[in-house]
Protein backbone atom coordinates (compact mmCIF):
# COMPACT_ATOMS: atom_id res chain seq x y z
CA ASN A 1 -2.05 3.14 -10.03
CA TYR A 2 0.95 1.25 -8.68
CA TYR A 3 1.77 1.64 -4.97
CA SER A 4 4.92 0.57 -3.15
CA TRP A 5 6.21 1.01 0.37
CA GLY A 6 9.74 1.03 1.69
CA GLY A 7 11.91 3.20 3.89
CA PHE A 8 8.73 4.42 5.63
CA LYS A 9 7.57 6.13 2.41
CA LEU A 10 4.46 5.24 0.44
CA ARG A 11 4.99 5.78 -3.28
CA LYS A 12 2.52 6.04 -6.13
CA ILE A 13 3.12 5.73 -9.86
CA SER A 14 0.08 6.76 -11.89
CA LYS A 15 -0.80 5.11 -15.21
CA VAL A 16 2.04 2.62 -14.85
CA GLN A 17 0.67 0.67 -17.82
CA ASN A 18 1.62 3.59 -20.10
CA LEU A 19 5.26 3.79 -19.02
CA LYS A 20 8.12 2.70 -21.24
CA ALA A 21 9.59 -0.71 -20.40
CA TYR A 22 13.33 -1.09 -19.70
CA ALA A 23 15.60 -4.13 -19.84
CA SER A 24 17.38 -3.02 -16.65
CA ARG A 25 16.83 -0.70 -13.68
CA ARG A 26 18.92 2.03 -15.28
CA GLY A 27 16.79 4.81 -16.69
CA ILE A 28 13.67 4.04 -14.69
CA LEU A 29 11.75 6.53 -12.58
CA ASP A 30 13.52 8.17 -9.67
CA SER A 31 11.61 6.66 -6.72
CA ARG A 32 12.54 9.62 -4.51
CA LYS A 33 10.20 11.83 -6.54
CA ASN A 34 6.97 9.86 -6.22
CA ALA A 35 6.51 9.60 -2.44
CA ILE A 36 2.99 10.56 -1.35
CA ALA A 37 3.22 9.96 2.41
CA LYS A 38 5.61 9.01 5.18
CA LEU A 39 4.05 6.19 7.20
CA LYS A 40 4.29 2.51 8.13
CA VAL A 41 2.25 0.06 6.09
CA GLY A 42 3.67 -3.46 6.37
CA ALA A 43 5.39 -6.38 4.73
CA ASP A 44 2.79 -6.60 1.97
CA MET A 45 -0.19 -4.58 0.76
CA ALA A 46 -3.48 -5.31 -0.97
CA ALA A 47 -5.62 -2.61 -2.59
CA ILE A 48 -9.36 -2.61 -2.00
CA ASN A 49 -12.21 -0.39 -3.13
CA ALA A 50 -14.68 -0.06 -0.30
CA ASN A 51 -17.08 2.30 1.44
CA LEU A 52 -15.34 2.44 4.83
CA GLU A 53 -15.94 6.09 5.71
CA GLY A 54 -19.38 6.94 4.46
CA PRO A 55 -20.72 8.13 1.14
CA GLY A 56 -19.02 6.34 -1.71
CA ALA A 57 -16.25 3.84 -2.27
CA LYS A 58 -12.61 4.90 -2.05
CA THR A 59 -9.34 3.07 -2.63
CA TYR A 60 -7.49 1.76 0.42
CA LEU A 61 -4.26 -0.15 0.90
CA VAL A 62 -4.27 -2.77 3.65
CA GLY A 63 -1.00 -4.10 5.04
CA LEU A 64 0.11 -6.13 8.02
CA ARG A 65 3.05 -5.14 10.20
CA GLY A 66 3.56 -7.54 13.08
CA GLN A 67 0.23 -7.75 14.92
CA THR A 68 -1.09 -4.50 13.41
CA ALA A 69 -3.33 -4.12 10.36
CA ASN A 70 -2.67 -0.77 8.67
CA ILE A 71 -5.33 0.77 6.45
CA VAL A 72 -4.35 3.70 4.24
CA ARG A 73 -6.84 5.75 2.20
CA VAL A 74 -5.21 6.70 -1.11
CA SER A 75 -8.19 8.21 -2.99
CA GLY A 76 -11.10 10.52 -2.24
CA GLY A 77 -9.13 12.97 -0.11
CA PRO A 78 -5.70 13.32 1.45
CA VAL A 79 -3.79 10.18 2.39
CA LYS A 80 -5.03 9.00 5.78
CA GLN A 81 -3.95 6.00 7.89
CA TRP A 82 -5.65 3.89 10.56
CA SER A 83 -4.13 1.06 12.55
CA LEU A 84 -6.03 -1.86 14.05
CA ARG A 85 -4.57 -4.39 16.47
CA ALA A 86 -4.89 -7.91 15.08
CA LYS A 87 -4.95 -11.06 17.21
CA GLY A 88 -4.41 -14.69 16.31
CA LEU A 89 -2.49 -14.10 13.09
CA ASP A 90 -0.13 -16.70 11.70
CA LYS A 91 3.58 -15.79 11.88
CA ALA A 92 3.63 -15.76 8.06
CA CYS A 93 1.50 -12.59 8.18
CA ASN A 94 4.66 -10.51 8.53
CA GLN A 95 6.09 -11.74 5.23
CA TRP A 96 5.90 -10.67 1.60
CA GLY A 97 2.72 -12.12 0.10
CA SER A 98 0.81 -12.16 3.37
CA ALA A 99 -1.85 -9.70 2.19
CA TRP A 100 -3.07 -12.28 -0.29
CA SER A 101 -3.68 -14.86 2.46
CA PHE A 102 -7.02 -13.33 3.44
CA LYS A 103 -10.34 -12.89 1.67
């Protein structure tokens, strides 16, 4: 699955690898039709598979927004979000690409 965030909407495109490729943006999917939740994620997201809530691994998106780490469950039930206050982060953590700065 491909996930994107913008305009306070989380979007999901399933089986993106099977979609037709286009030379330009004309003719691509209407992004207004694939929103799955209205929430705040952050400047960048990383997907992880983890057992954060109990029995079994689920897919989560993790994003940073200012000094807040946002965790969004996107599989194994309805979309659910948690926010954790983060301290000591570099100022670059509010930029595109920041999710890949951490292991």
